[in-house]
Amino acid sequence: MIPAHRNPAFRGSLNPKFNGSINPKFNGSINPLFNGSVNPRFNGAISPAFNGSINPSFNGTMNFRVNGVLNPAINGTINPRINGTVNPSINPNITGSYVWSVNGVSAGFTVPAASECSLHYNEDGEFVAILIPNGASGWNIFADATEWIGYVLPNGADQYNWFNTEGEWTHFTT
């Protein structure tokens, strides 16, 4: 059960539908379609297409298929099916974030991992993607180790908004 203080259904300040300052549709400074400095399509420093150090295809230390420390099949400490302290079904006060769709539907959770990476799991504890730091207070999201599917940006309230590679807002965290 998600604690009420981390659940946007119970705490309006966490819910972008009620708090415009964390909603990129109302706050242009956190919207990559209006602020090119936070958009990997316009800022090569945070784009895995231009910066190989943040691209797991070129940097094996960020690739969970190469680096076992980031692989939940090898490293049980970051696997919620093995380690109850990172499993919100057992420990609702996880150190990671809860992930929500823009419509407020639970979309899983994250588990902090080595090298400032995080792993995204669905509600059933199945691995979905790896979040790799992009050097600008955010992360790039990769599915299947090397497929870039989006990025995560801070929203100014110690939470994050998730975007697909086209810059469309898809998720937020609490």
Foldseek 3Di string as FASTA:
>chain_A
DADLVFACVNPVCQACVRNVLLPCVRNVVQFCVNNVCPACVRNVLLHCVRDVCQACVRNVCQFCVRNVQPPCVRDVCQQCVRDVQQQCVNPNPHPWWFKAWNVRHTAATWHQTPPRKIWGAGNVRHTAWIWTDSPPQWTFTAGPRGRTFWIWDDSPPPKIWIAGNVRHTTMIID
